[in-house]
Amino acid sequence: MKWNKYTIETTTAAEDYMSAMLADLGIEGVEIEDNIPLSKEDQADMFIDFLPELPPDDGVSHVSFYLEDDGADRTELLKQVKEALEDLRKVVDVGSGVITSDQTEDLDWINNWKKFFSSFYIDDILIKPTWEELKPEDADKFLIEIDPGVSFGTGKHETTQLCIRQLLKYIRGNDAYTPENRTPKVLDVGCGSGILSIVALKLGACAVVGTDLDPDCMTSTHENMEVNHLDPSLGTFYVGNLIDDAALQEKVGTEEYDIVVANILADVIIPMAPVIPARLKRGGYFITSGIIDFKENAVKEAIEAAGLTVVEINHQGEWVNITARKPE
């Protein structure tokens, strides 16, 4: 299979904004090339002993995305990319914004990226890819094992980390939730690889329900539940769009959840906000991320308009977490 590769010349400051913009247009899996030196932490994570000799960092970045060469007309999509790119100029320096195209042969997408995913910690949680051997010194750690497959969710992205830290706070940090009283029931909207559902269960949730638009996510989530030795009866997962699917809303239930977590996109959270309060118990929390910083206010306003009270906002890089609460 052949793929058309489109590369946007931009700036390192605009990389995350560009990734979010492409994701909003339904383009997932971008490739970023720049000359930013790796930090010592990055070198350690990637087990690099000798760094390649790079030219000086000139602030230029190349963000590429791939579209299958199946004969479909991509004119409208590329027009949307160009228009969205020009809109980004209002909030960040996007550089030249020149788009070039090339063609490449089929790649082993699923396996090629694995060299970039190695074990790491979020607070005291060790997140390890399934294909990496567990070090003897980590044998007694709080362990989450993940193989994302074709789904989103290794835990390394800032948005996932923001959500995990909030789950730590509102599950482990809640004195009412003890090993004897595994109270919280969690709804994971856009469950992807299932990483947030698995974290919630391992922290003490009594059950999770997950939804995602992609049927492949159901496979990834169930496989990752099994890898983490979790009883499959603790998780129920559905394919569908919670925003406008009344049948799915009925399956998920009304006023069932202590916590709803959604690590998706700002442009999905905004129309979803009105259906979230009905899912939450009184006093329940809505934890969300996937929000690029210039869309923070729009998401906050949508959540408040839905009747929830914003209790905290956290930032990591250009990404934002908003946590809100349903009134008692």
C-alpha atoms as a PDB file:
ATOM      1  CA  MET A   1       0.000   0.000   0.000  1.00  0.00           C
ATOM      2  CA  LYS A   2       1.207   3.517  -0.805  1.00  0.00           C
ATOM      3  CA  TRP A   3       0.714   6.603   1.333  1.00  0.00           C
ATOM      4  CA  ASN A   4       0.799  10.296   0.491  1.00  0.00           C
ATOM      5  CA  LYS A   5       2.977  12.185   2.948  1.00  0.00           C
ATOM      6  CA  TYR A   6       2.220  15.863   3.581  1.00  0.00           C
ATOM      7  CA  THR A   7       4.793  17.937   5.456  1.00  0.00           C
ATOM      8  CA  ILE A   8       4.146  21.357   6.983  1.00  0.00           C
ATOM      9  CA  GLU A   9       7.154  23.591   7.569  1.00  0.00           C
ATOM     10  CA  THR A  10       6.502  25.326  10.869  1.00  0.00           C
ATOM     11  CA  THR A  11       8.182  26.304  14.148  1.00  0.00           C
ATOM     12  CA  THR A  12       9.049  24.280  17.229  1.00  0.00           C
ATOM     13  CA  ALA A  13       6.763  26.590  19.241  1.00  0.00           C
ATOM     14  CA  ALA A  14       3.804  25.553  17.068  1.00  0.00           C
ATOM     15  CA  GLU A  15       4.333  21.765  17.118  1.00  0.00           C
ATOM     16  CA  ASP A  16       1.679  20.920  19.729  1.00  0.00           C
ATOM     17  CA  TYR A  17      -0.749  23.425  18.263  1.00  0.00           C
ATOM     18  CA  MET A  18      -0.244  21.899  14.821  1.00  0.00           C
ATOM     19  CA  SER A  19      -0.802  18.372  16.177  1.00  0.00           C
ATOM     20  CA  ALA A  20      -4.028  19.465  17.896  1.00  0.00           C
ATOM     21  CA  MET A  21      -5.239  21.233  14.753  1.00  0.00           C
ATOM     22  CA  LEU A  22      -4.678  18.136  12.618  1.00  0.00           C
ATOM     23  CA  ALA A  23      -6.375  15.932  15.220  1.00  0.00           C
ATOM     24  CA  ASP A  24      -9.390  18.256  15.158  1.00  0.00           C
ATOM     25  CA  LEU A  25      -9.622  17.558  11.415  1.00  0.00           C
ATOM     26  CA  GLY A  26      -9.542  13.806  12.028  1.00  0.00           C
ATOM     27  CA  ILE A  27      -5.874  13.379  11.085  1.00  0.00           C
ATOM     28  CA  GLU A  28      -4.168  11.204  13.694  1.00  0.00           C
ATOM     29  CA  GLY A  29      -0.573  10.104  14.045  1.00  0.00           C
ATOM     30  CA  VAL A  30       1.727  12.975  13.123  1.00  0.00           C
ATOM     31  CA  GLU A  31       5.489  12.821  12.650  1.00  0.00           C
ATOM     32  CA  ILE A  32       7.582  15.698  14.017  1.00  0.00           C
ATOM     33  CA  GLU A  33      11.152  16.444  12.954  1.00  0.00           C
ATOM     34  CA  ASP A  34      13.225  19.207  14.561  1.00  0.00           C
ATOM     35  CA  ASN A  35      16.715  19.876  15.893  1.00  0.00           C
ATOM     36  CA  ILE A  36      15.789  20.337  19.552  1.00  0.00           C
ATOM     37  CA  PRO A  37      18.455  18.535  21.631  1.00  0.00           C
ATOM     38  CA  LEU A  38      17.190  15.700  23.797  1.00  0.00           C
ATOM     39  CA  SER A  39      17.143  16.364  27.518  1.00  0.00           C
ATOM     40  CA  LYS A  40      18.997  14.045  29.889  1.00  0.00           C
ATOM     41  CA  GLU A  41      15.632  12.621  30.959  1.00  0.00           C
ATOM     42  CA  ASP A  42      14.691  11.898  27.327  1.00  0.00           C
ATOM     43  CA  GLN A  43      18.054  10.250  26.725  1.00  0.00           C
ATOM     44  CA  ALA A  44      17.542   8.022  29.765  1.00  0.00           C
ATOM     45  CA  ASP A  45      14.005   7.076  28.693  1.00  0.00           C
ATOM     46  CA  MET A  46      15.199   6.129  25.215  1.00  0.00           C
ATOM     47  CA  PHE A  47      18.404   4.394  26.362  1.00  0.00           C
ATOM     48  CA  ILE A  48      20.536   6.538  24.053  1.00  0.00           C
ATOM     49  CA  ASP A  49      24.271   6.419  24.771  1.00  0.00           C
ATOM     50  CA  PHE A  50      25.514   8.431  21.792  1.00  0.00           C
ATOM     51  CA  LEU A  51      23.497  11.303  20.402  1.00  0.00           C
ATOM     52  CA  PRO A  52      23.448  11.992  16.679  1.00  0.00           C
ATOM     53  CA  GLU A  53      25.183  15.183  15.640  1.00  0.00           C
ATOM     54  CA  LEU A  54      22.378  17.579  14.812  1.00  0.00           C
ATOM     55  CA  PRO A  55      22.669  21.027  13.269  1.00  0.00           C
ATOM     56  CA  PRO A  56      21.991  23.925  15.658  1.00  0.00           C
ATOM     57  CA  ASP A  57      18.355  24.295  16.673  1.00  0.00           C
ATOM     58  CA  ASP A  58      17.013  27.035  14.400  1.00  0.00           C
ATOM     59  CA  GLY A  59      13.432  26.874  15.692  1.00  0.00           C
ATOM     60  CA  VAL A  60      12.216  25.208  12.497  1.00  0.00           C
ATOM     61  CA  SER A  61      10.070  22.085  12.686  1.00  0.00           C
ATOM     62  CA  HIS A  62       8.511  19.815  10.084  1.00  0.00           C
ATOM     63  CA  VAL A  63       5.170  18.236  10.994  1.00  0.00           C
ATOM     64  CA  SER A  64       4.096  15.432   8.659  1.00  0.00           C
ATOM     65  CA  PHE A  65       0.919  13.414   8.290  1.00  0.00           C
ATOM     66  CA  TYR A  66       0.008  10.512   6.036  1.00  0.00           C
ATOM     67  CA  LEU A  67      -3.117   9.826   3.964  1.00  0.00           C
ATOM     68  CA  GLU A  68      -3.725   6.552   2.194  1.00  0.00           C
ATOM     69  CA  ASP A  69      -3.221   6.743  -1.575  1.00  0.00           C
ATOM     70  CA  ASP A  70      -6.546   5.079  -2.374  1.00  0.00           C
ATOM     71  CA  GLY A  71      -7.646   7.362  -5.196  1.00  0.00           C
ATOM     72  CA  ALA A  72      -9.862   9.498  -2.959  1.00  0.00           C
ATOM     73  CA  ASP A  73      -9.951  13.239  -3.604  1.00  0.00           C
ATOM     74  CA  ARG A  74      -8.156  14.949  -0.692  1.00  0.00           C
ATOM     75  CA  THR A  75      -8.607  18.492  -2.043  1.00  0.00           C
ATOM     76  CA  GLU A  76     -11.223  19.545   0.507  1.00  0.00           C
ATOM     77  CA  LEU A  77      -9.301  18.114   3.468  1.00  0.00           C
ATOM     78  CA  LEU A  78      -6.077  19.823   2.404  1.00  0.00           C
ATOM     79  CA  LYS A  79      -8.010  23.066   1.973  1.00  0.00           C
ATOM     80  CA  GLN A  80      -9.265  22.697   5.565  1.00  0.00           C
ATOM     81  CA  VAL A  81      -5.692  22.099   6.758  1.00  0.00           C
ATOM     82  CA  LYS A  82      -4.514  25.292   5.054  1.00  0.00           C
ATOM     83  CA  GLU A  83      -7.412  27.325   6.474  1.00  0.00           C
ATOM     84  CA  ALA A  84      -6.874  25.959   9.984  1.00  0.00           C
ATOM     85  CA  LEU A  85      -3.151  26.661   9.682  1.00  0.00           C
ATOM     86  CA  GLU A  86      -3.884  30.300   8.877  1.00  0.00           C
ATOM     87  CA  ASP A  87      -6.218  30.484  11.897  1.00  0.00           C
ATOM     88  CA  LEU A  88      -3.340  29.262  14.085  1.00  0.00           C
ATOM     89  CA  ARG A  89      -1.311  32.319  13.094  1.00  0.00           C
ATOM     90  CA  LYS A  90      -3.566  34.306  15.425  1.00  0.00           C
ATOM     91  CA  VAL A  91      -2.252  32.439  18.477  1.00  0.00           C
ATOM     92  CA  VAL A  92       1.254  31.189  17.630  1.00  0.00           C
ATOM     93  CA  ASP A  93       4.071  31.756  15.160  1.00  0.00           C
ATOM     94  CA  VAL A  94       3.584  28.964  12.611  1.00  0.00           C
ATOM     95  CA  GLY A  95       6.522  29.996  10.417  1.00  0.00           C
ATOM     96  CA  SER A  96       6.239  29.651   6.663  1.00  0.00           C
ATOM     97  CA  GLY A  97       3.399  27.125   6.804  1.00  0.00           C
ATOM     98  CA  VAL A  98       4.481  25.733   3.421  1.00  0.00           C
ATOM     99  CA  ILE A  99       3.008  22.280   2.717  1.00  0.00           C
ATOM    100  CA  THR A 100       4.939  19.824   0.535  1.00  0.00           C
ATOM    101  CA  SER A 101       3.893  16.326  -0.502  1.00  0.00           C
ATOM    102  CA  ASP A 102       5.646  13.051  -1.212  1.00  0.00           C
ATOM    103  CA  GLN A 103       4.730   9.391  -1.569  1.00  0.00           C
ATOM    104  CA  THR A 104       5.972   6.531   0.576  1.00  0.00           C
ATOM    105  CA  GLU A 105       5.533   2.781   0.651  1.00  0.00           C
ATOM    106  CA  ASP A 106       3.501   1.060   3.337  1.00  0.00           C
ATOM    107  CA  LEU A 107       5.189   1.051   6.730  1.00  0.00           C
ATOM    108  CA  ASP A 108       4.859  -1.212   9.748  1.00  0.00           C
ATOM    109  CA  TRP A 109       3.138   1.558  11.723  1.00  0.00           C
ATOM    110  CA  ILE A 110       2.260  -0.543  14.725  1.00  0.00           C
ATOM    111  CA  ASN A 111       5.770  -1.820  15.377  1.00  0.00           C
ATOM    112  CA  ASN A 112       8.015   1.007  14.162  1.00  0.00           C
ATOM    113  CA  TRP A 113       6.977   3.441  16.898  1.00  0.00           C
ATOM    114  CA  LYS A 114       7.638   0.944  19.723  1.00  0.00           C
ATOM    115  CA  LYS A 115      11.289   2.004  19.934  1.00  0.00           C
ATOM    116  CA  PHE A 116      10.060   5.366  21.262  1.00  0.00           C
ATOM    117  CA  PHE A 117       7.891   3.928  24.082  1.00  0.00           C
ATOM    118  CA  SER A 118       9.763   2.734  27.157  1.00  0.00           C
ATOM    119  CA  SER A 119       8.921   2.460  30.871  1.00  0.00           C
ATOM    120  CA  PHE A 120       8.341   5.664  32.822  1.00  0.00           C
ATOM    121  CA  TYR A 121       6.732   6.907  36.041  1.00  0.00           C
ATOM    122  CA  ILE A 122       3.775   9.148  36.743  1.00  0.00           C
ATOM    123  CA  ASP A 123       4.221   9.872  40.447  1.00  0.00           C
ATOM    124  CA  ASP A 124       4.594   6.348  41.893  1.00  0.00           C
ATOM    125  CA  ILE A 125       2.874   4.536  39.008  1.00  0.00           C
ATOM    126  CA  LEU A 126       5.227   2.640  36.696  1.00  0.00           C
ATOM    127  CA  ILE A 127       3.823   2.445  33.170  1.00  0.00           C
ATOM    128  CA  LYS A 128       5.546  -0.244  31.125  1.00  0.00           C
ATOM    129  CA  PRO A 129       5.033  -1.442  27.537  1.00  0.00           C
ATOM    130  CA  THR A 130       4.116  -5.108  27.429  1.00  0.00           C
ATOM    131  CA  TRP A 131       7.105  -5.965  25.218  1.00  0.00           C
ATOM    132  CA  GLU A 132       9.672  -4.607  27.684  1.00  0.00           C
ATOM    133  CA  GLU A 133      11.082  -6.853  30.428  1.00  0.00           C
ATOM    134  CA  LEU A 134      10.330  -5.774  33.989  1.00  0.00           C
ATOM    135  CA  LYS A 135      13.524  -4.842  35.819  1.00  0.00           C
ATOM    136  CA  PRO A 136      14.107  -6.794  39.058  1.00  0.00           C
ATOM    137  CA  GLU A 137      14.235  -3.569  41.067  1.00  0.00           C
ATOM    138  CA  ASP A 138      10.738  -2.668  39.785  1.00  0.00           C
ATOM    139  CA  ALA A 139       9.122  -5.975  40.769  1.00  0.00           C
ATOM    140  CA  ASP A 140       7.257  -4.464  43.730  1.00  0.00           C
ATOM    141  CA  LYS A 141       6.170  -1.250  42.013  1.00  0.00           C
ATOM    142  CA  PHE A 142       2.600  -0.077  41.310  1.00  0.00           C
ATOM    143  CA  LEU A 143       2.598  -1.386  37.740  1.00  0.00           C
ATOM    144  CA  ILE A 144       0.431  -0.662  34.696  1.00  0.00           C
ATOM    145  CA  GLU A 145       1.290  -2.601  31.513  1.00  0.00           C
ATOM    146  CA  ILE A 146       0.073  -1.225  28.189  1.00  0.00           C
ATOM    147  CA  ASP A 147       0.148  -2.228  24.548  1.00  0.00           C
ATOM    148  CA  PRO A 148      -1.772   0.486  22.699  1.00  0.00           C
ATOM    149  CA  GLY A 149      -1.877  -1.497  19.461  1.00  0.00           C
ATOM    150  CA  VAL A 150      -3.626   0.812  16.997  1.00  0.00           C
ATOM    151  CA  SER A 151      -5.317   2.813  19.778  1.00  0.00           C
ATOM    152  CA  PHE A 152      -4.358   6.072  21.451  1.00  0.00           C
ATOM    153  CA  GLY A 153      -2.898   5.837  24.921  1.00  0.00           C
ATOM    154  CA  THR A 154       0.628   4.987  26.025  1.00  0.00           C
ATOM    155  CA  GLY A 155       0.422   7.377  28.961  1.00  0.00           C
ATOM    156  CA  LYS A 156       3.357   9.444  27.739  1.00  0.00           C
ATOM    157  CA  HIS A 157       1.274  12.236  26.274  1.00  0.00           C
ATOM    158  CA  GLU A 158       0.782  15.248  28.520  1.00  0.00           C
ATOM    159  CA  THR A 159      -3.010  14.982  28.321  1.00  0.00           C
ATOM    160  CA  THR A 160      -3.022  11.385  29.576  1.00  0.00           C
ATOM    161  CA  GLN A 161      -0.642  12.273  32.389  1.00  0.00           C
ATOM    162  CA  LEU A 162      -2.865  15.166  33.452  1.00  0.00           C
ATOM    163  CA  CYS A 163      -5.862  12.802  33.659  1.00  0.00           C
ATOM    164  CA  ILE A 164      -3.910  10.136  35.555  1.00  0.00           C
ATOM    165  CA  ARG A 165      -2.778  12.675  38.157  1.00  0.00           C
ATOM    166  CA  GLN A 166      -6.400  13.739  38.642  1.00  0.00           C
ATOM    167  CA  LEU A 167      -7.495  10.119  39.055  1.00  0.00           C
ATOM    168  CA  LEU A 168      -4.775   9.731  41.679  1.00  0.00           C
ATOM    169  CA  LYS A 169      -6.123  12.753  43.497  1.00  0.00           C
ATOM    170  CA  TYR A 170      -9.830  11.974  43.326  1.00  0.00           C
ATOM    171  CA  ILE A 171      -9.641   8.198  43.871  1.00  0.00           C
ATOM    172  CA  ARG A 172      -6.567   7.477  45.977  1.00  0.00           C
ATOM    173  CA  GLY A 173      -6.748  10.902  47.622  1.00  0.00           C
ATOM    174  CA  ASN A 174     -10.384  10.482  48.677  1.00  0.00           C
ATOM    175  CA  ASP A 175     -10.546   9.169  52.240  1.00  0.00           C
ATOM    176  CA  ALA A 176     -13.987   7.662  51.588  1.00  0.00           C
ATOM    177  CA  TYR A 177     -12.514   5.218  49.067  1.00  0.00           C
ATOM    178  CA  THR A 178     -10.660   2.452  50.919  1.00  0.00           C
ATOM    179  CA  PRO A 179      -9.744  -1.124  49.926  1.00  0.00           C
ATOM    180  CA  GLU A 180     -12.781  -2.247  51.891  1.00  0.00           C
ATOM    181  CA  ASN A 181     -14.981   0.422  50.302  1.00  0.00           C
ATOM    182  CA  ARG A 182     -14.171   0.444  46.593  1.00  0.00           C
ATOM    183  CA  THR A 183     -16.822   3.056  45.987  1.00  0.00           C
ATOM    184  CA  PRO A 184     -16.058   5.024  42.829  1.00  0.00           C
ATOM    185  CA  LYS A 185     -17.622   3.942  39.583  1.00  0.00           C
ATOM    186  CA  VAL A 186     -15.871   5.541  36.603  1.00  0.00           C
ATOM    187  CA  LEU A 187     -16.989   6.350  33.052  1.00  0.00           C
ATOM    188  CA  ASP A 188     -14.091   6.625  30.572  1.00  0.00           C
ATOM    189  CA  VAL A 189     -15.218   8.519  27.450  1.00  0.00           C
ATOM    190  CA  GLY A 190     -12.860   7.913  24.531  1.00  0.00           C
ATOM    191  CA  CYS A 191     -11.175   4.999  26.281  1.00  0.00           C
ATOM    192  CA  GLY A 192      -8.597   4.295  23.544  1.00  0.00           C
ATOM    193  CA  SER A 193      -6.129   1.690  24.840  1.00  0.00           C
ATOM    194  CA  GLY A 194      -8.025   1.542  28.148  1.00  0.00           C
ATOM    195  CA  ILE A 195      -5.168   3.094  30.130  1.00  0.00           C
ATOM    196  CA  LEU A 196      -7.367   5.439  32.189  1.00  0.00           C
ATOM    197  CA  SER A 197      -9.889   2.674  32.925  1.00  0.00           C
ATOM    198  CA  ILE A 198      -7.073   0.398  34.063  1.00  0.00           C
ATOM    199  CA  VAL A 199      -5.502   3.098  36.235  1.00  0.00           C
ATOM    200  CA  ALA A 200      -8.912   3.793  37.818  1.00  0.00           C
ATOM    201  CA  LEU A 201      -9.477   0.110  38.621  1.00  0.00           C
ATOM    202  CA  LYS A 202      -6.007  -0.367  40.036  1.00  0.00           C
ATOM    203  CA  LEU A 203      -6.445   2.727  42.204  1.00  0.00           C
ATOM    204  CA  GLY A 204      -9.644   1.321  43.683  1.00  0.00           C
ATOM    205  CA  ALA A 205     -12.625   1.916  41.381  1.00  0.00           C
ATOM    206  CA  CYS A 206     -15.323  -0.706  41.808  1.00  0.00           C
ATOM    207  CA  ALA A 207     -16.155  -0.744  38.089  1.00  0.00           C
ATOM    208  CA  VAL A 208     -15.532   1.151  34.867  1.00  0.00           C
ATOM    209  CA  VAL A 209     -17.591   1.736  31.755  1.00  0.00           C
ATOM    210  CA  GLY A 210     -15.846   2.958  28.615  1.00  0.00           C
ATOM    211  CA  THR A 211     -16.909   4.296  25.235  1.00  0.00           C
ATOM    212  CA  ASP A 212     -15.013   4.959  22.020  1.00  0.00           C
ATOM    213  CA  LEU A 213     -15.829   5.593  18.375  1.00  0.00           C
ATOM    214  CA  ASP A 214     -13.209   3.089  17.189  1.00  0.00           C
ATOM    215  CA  PRO A 215     -14.068  -0.636  17.430  1.00  0.00           C
ATOM    216  CA  ASP A 216     -10.322  -1.436  17.565  1.00  0.00           C
ATOM    217  CA  CYS A 217     -10.234   0.250  20.971  1.00  0.00           C
ATOM    218  CA  MET A 218     -12.480  -2.461  22.379  1.00  0.00           C
ATOM    219  CA  THR A 219      -9.885  -5.081  21.455  1.00  0.00           C
ATOM    220  CA  SER A 220      -7.001  -3.024  22.874  1.00  0.00           C
ATOM    221  CA  THR A 221      -8.838  -2.299  26.107  1.00  0.00           C
ATOM    222  CA  HIS A 222      -9.866  -5.919  26.758  1.00  0.00           C
ATOM    223  CA  GLU A 223      -6.341  -7.157  25.993  1.00  0.00           C
ATOM    224  CA  ASN A 224      -4.796  -4.574  28.317  1.00  0.00           C
ATOM    225  CA  MET A 225      -7.284  -5.473  31.068  1.00  0.00           C
ATOM    226  CA  GLU A 226      -6.132  -9.089  30.771  1.00  0.00           C
ATOM    227  CA  VAL A 227      -2.429  -8.139  30.785  1.00  0.00           C
ATOM    228  CA  ASN A 228      -3.022  -6.223  34.018  1.00  0.00           C
ATOM    229  CA  HIS A 229      -4.765  -9.230  35.625  1.00  0.00           C
ATOM    230  CA  LEU A 230      -8.078  -7.388  35.999  1.00  0.00           C
ATOM    231  CA  ASP A 231     -11.352  -9.294  36.165  1.00  0.00           C
ATOM    232  CA  PRO A 232     -13.119  -8.605  32.821  1.00  0.00           C
ATOM    233  CA  SER A 233     -16.410  -8.268  34.706  1.00  0.00           C
ATOM    234  CA  LEU A 234     -15.101  -4.986  36.197  1.00  0.00           C
ATOM    235  CA  GLY A 235     -15.198  -3.265  32.804  1.00  0.00           C
ATOM    236  CA  THR A 236     -17.958  -2.767  30.248  1.00  0.00           C
ATOM    237  CA  PHE A 237     -17.082  -1.054  26.966  1.00  0.00           C
ATOM    238  CA  TYR A 238     -19.246   0.251  24.124  1.00  0.00           C
ATOM    239  CA  VAL A 239     -18.616   1.571  20.619  1.00  0.00           C
ATOM    240  CA  GLY A 240     -20.460   4.805  19.951  1.00  0.00           C
ATOM    241  CA  ASN A 241     -20.744   8.558  20.311  1.00  0.00           C
ATOM    242  CA  LEU A 242     -22.045   9.652  23.692  1.00  0.00           C
ATOM    243  CA  ILE A 243     -22.901  13.124  22.354  1.00  0.00           C
ATOM    244  CA  ASP A 244     -25.932  12.194  20.264  1.00  0.00           C
ATOM    245  CA  ASP A 245     -26.481   8.440  20.592  1.00  0.00           C
ATOM    246  CA  ALA A 246     -29.538   8.121  22.839  1.00  0.00           C
ATOM    247  CA  ALA A 247     -29.285   4.320  22.919  1.00  0.00           C
ATOM    248  CA  LEU A 248     -25.667   4.553  24.116  1.00  0.00           C
ATOM    249  CA  GLN A 249     -26.606   7.133  26.748  1.00  0.00           C
ATOM    250  CA  GLU A 250     -29.240   4.700  28.024  1.00  0.00           C
ATOM    251  CA  LYS A 251     -26.740   1.820  28.139  1.00  0.00           C
ATOM    252  CA  VAL A 252     -24.200   3.956  29.984  1.00  0.00           C
ATOM    253  CA  GLY A 253     -26.853   5.017  32.494  1.00  0.00           C
ATOM    254  CA  THR A 254     -28.053   8.073  34.394  1.00  0.00           C
ATOM    255  CA  GLU A 255     -26.509   9.392  37.638  1.00  0.00           C
ATOM    256  CA  GLU A 256     -24.355   6.246  37.840  1.00  0.00           C
ATOM    257  CA  TYR A 257     -20.822   7.615  38.138  1.00  0.00           C
ATOM    258  CA  ASP A 258     -18.668   9.173  40.805  1.00  0.00           C
ATOM    259  CA  ILE A 259     -16.149  10.171  38.136  1.00  0.00           C
ATOM    260  CA  VAL A 260     -16.359  10.751  34.386  1.00  0.00           C
ATOM    261  CA  VAL A 261     -12.963  11.054  32.670  1.00  0.00           C
ATOM    262  CA  ALA A 262     -12.549  12.192  29.069  1.00  0.00           C
ATOM    263  CA  ASN A 263      -9.148  12.561  27.442  1.00  0.00           C
ATOM    264  CA  ILE A 264     -10.297  13.629  24.008  1.00  0.00           C
ATOM    265  CA  LEU A 265     -10.305  16.936  22.099  1.00  0.00           C
ATOM    266  CA  ALA A 266     -11.652  20.365  22.972  1.00  0.00           C
ATOM    267  CA  ASP A 267     -13.940  20.337  19.944  1.00  0.00           C
ATOM    268  CA  VAL A 268     -15.480  17.077  21.204  1.00  0.00           C
ATOM    269  CA  ILE A 269     -15.660  18.042  24.882  1.00  0.00           C
ATOM    270  CA  ILE A 270     -17.616  21.226  24.094  1.00  0.00           C
ATOM    271  CA  PRO A 271     -20.641  19.505  22.441  1.00  0.00           C
ATOM    272  CA  MET A 272     -20.365  16.621  24.907  1.00  0.00           C
ATOM    273  CA  ALA A 273     -20.547  18.813  28.012  1.00  0.00           C
ATOM    274  CA  PRO A 274     -24.385  18.995  28.128  1.00  0.00           C
ATOM    275  CA  VAL A 275     -24.737  15.184  28.444  1.00  0.00           C
ATOM    276  CA  ILE A 276     -22.147  14.756  31.211  1.00  0.00           C
ATOM    277  CA  PRO A 277     -24.132  16.005  34.251  1.00  0.00           C
ATOM    278  CA  ALA A 278     -26.814  13.377  33.655  1.00  0.00           C
ATOM    279  CA  ARG A 279     -24.152  10.662  33.837  1.00  0.00           C
ATOM    280  CA  LEU A 280     -22.734  11.882  37.174  1.00  0.00           C
ATOM    281  CA  LYS A 281     -24.012  11.286  40.672  1.00  0.00           C
ATOM    282  CA  ARG A 282     -24.510  14.396  42.770  1.00  0.00           C
ATOM    283  CA  GLY A 283     -21.111  15.601  43.895  1.00  0.00           C
ATOM    284  CA  GLY A 284     -19.387  13.595  41.152  1.00  0.00           C
ATOM    285  CA  TYR A 285     -16.351  14.842  39.228  1.00  0.00           C
ATOM    286  CA  PHE A 286     -15.763  15.413  35.522  1.00  0.00           C
ATOM    287  CA  ILE A 287     -12.038  15.092  34.718  1.00  0.00           C
ATOM    288  CA  THR A 288     -11.063  16.087  31.206  1.00  0.00           C
ATOM    289  CA  SER A 289      -8.042  16.879  29.063  1.00  0.00           C
ATOM    290  CA  GLY A 290      -6.940  16.853  25.441  1.00  0.00           C
ATOM    291  CA  ILE A 291      -7.464  20.612  25.526  1.00  0.00           C
ATOM    292  CA  ILE A 292      -4.869  22.781  23.768  1.00  0.00           C
ATOM    293  CA  ASP A 293      -4.317  25.930  25.834  1.00  0.00           C
ATOM    294  CA  PHE A 294      -5.925  28.457  23.488  1.00  0.00           C
ATOM    295  CA  LYS A 295      -9.213  26.509  23.723  1.00  0.00           C
ATOM    296  CA  GLU A 296      -9.209  26.441  27.543  1.00  0.00           C
ATOM    297  CA  ASN A 297     -11.786  29.212  27.992  1.00  0.00           C
ATOM    298  CA  ALA A 298     -14.184  27.767  25.410  1.00  0.00           C
ATOM    299  CA  VAL A 299     -14.164  24.369  27.149  1.00  0.00           C
ATOM    300  CA  LYS A 300     -14.472  25.942  30.608  1.00  0.00           C
ATOM    301  CA  GLU A 301     -17.478  27.983  29.470  1.00  0.00           C
ATOM    302  CA  ALA A 302     -19.157  24.900  27.955  1.00  0.00           C
ATOM    303  CA  ILE A 303     -18.657  22.883  31.136  1.00  0.00           C
ATOM    304  CA  GLU A 304     -20.032  25.689  33.302  1.00  0.00           C
ATOM    305  CA  ALA A 305     -22.979  26.217  30.932  1.00  0.00           C
ATOM    306  CA  ALA A 306     -23.817  22.520  31.435  1.00  0.00           C
ATOM    307  CA  GLY A 307     -24.258  23.200  35.165  1.00  0.00           C
ATOM    308  CA  LEU A 308     -20.953  21.911  36.520  1.00  0.00           C
ATOM    309  CA  THR A 309     -18.619  23.898  38.779  1.00  0.00           C
ATOM    310  CA  VAL A 310     -14.971  24.077  37.725  1.00  0.00           C
ATOM    311  CA  VAL A 311     -12.864  23.176  40.776  1.00  0.00           C
ATOM    312  CA  GLU A 312      -9.368  23.217  39.265  1.00  0.00           C
ATOM    313  CA  ILE A 313      -7.429  23.807  36.073  1.00  0.00           C
ATOM    314  CA  ASN A 314      -3.963  22.323  35.484  1.00  0.00           C
ATOM    315  CA  HIS A 315      -1.418  22.831  32.722  1.00  0.00           C
ATOM    316  CA  GLN A 316       1.376  20.674  31.326  1.00  0.00           C
ATOM    317  CA  GLY A 317       3.171  22.143  28.348  1.00  0.00           C
ATOM    318  CA  GLU A 318       0.531  23.529  25.985  1.00  0.00           C
ATOM    319  CA  TRP A 319      -2.131  21.138  27.310  1.00  0.00           C
ATOM    320  CA  VAL A 320      -4.848  21.733  29.874  1.00  0.00           C
ATOM    321  CA  ASN A 321      -6.851  19.672  32.354  1.00  0.00           C
ATOM    322  CA  ILE A 322     -10.171  20.983  33.602  1.00  0.00           C
ATOM    323  CA  THR A 323     -11.826  19.221  36.545  1.00  0.00           C
ATOM    324  CA  ALA A 324     -15.414  20.124  37.427  1.00  0.00           C
ATOM    325  CA  ARG A 325     -17.977  18.947  39.979  1.00  0.00           C
ATOM    326  CA  LYS A 326     -21.719  18.355  39.871  1.00  0.00           C
ATOM    327  CA  PRO A 327     -23.540  20.164  42.693  1.00  0.00           C
ATOM    328  CA  GLU A 328     -24.674  18.082  45.669  1.00  0.00           C
END
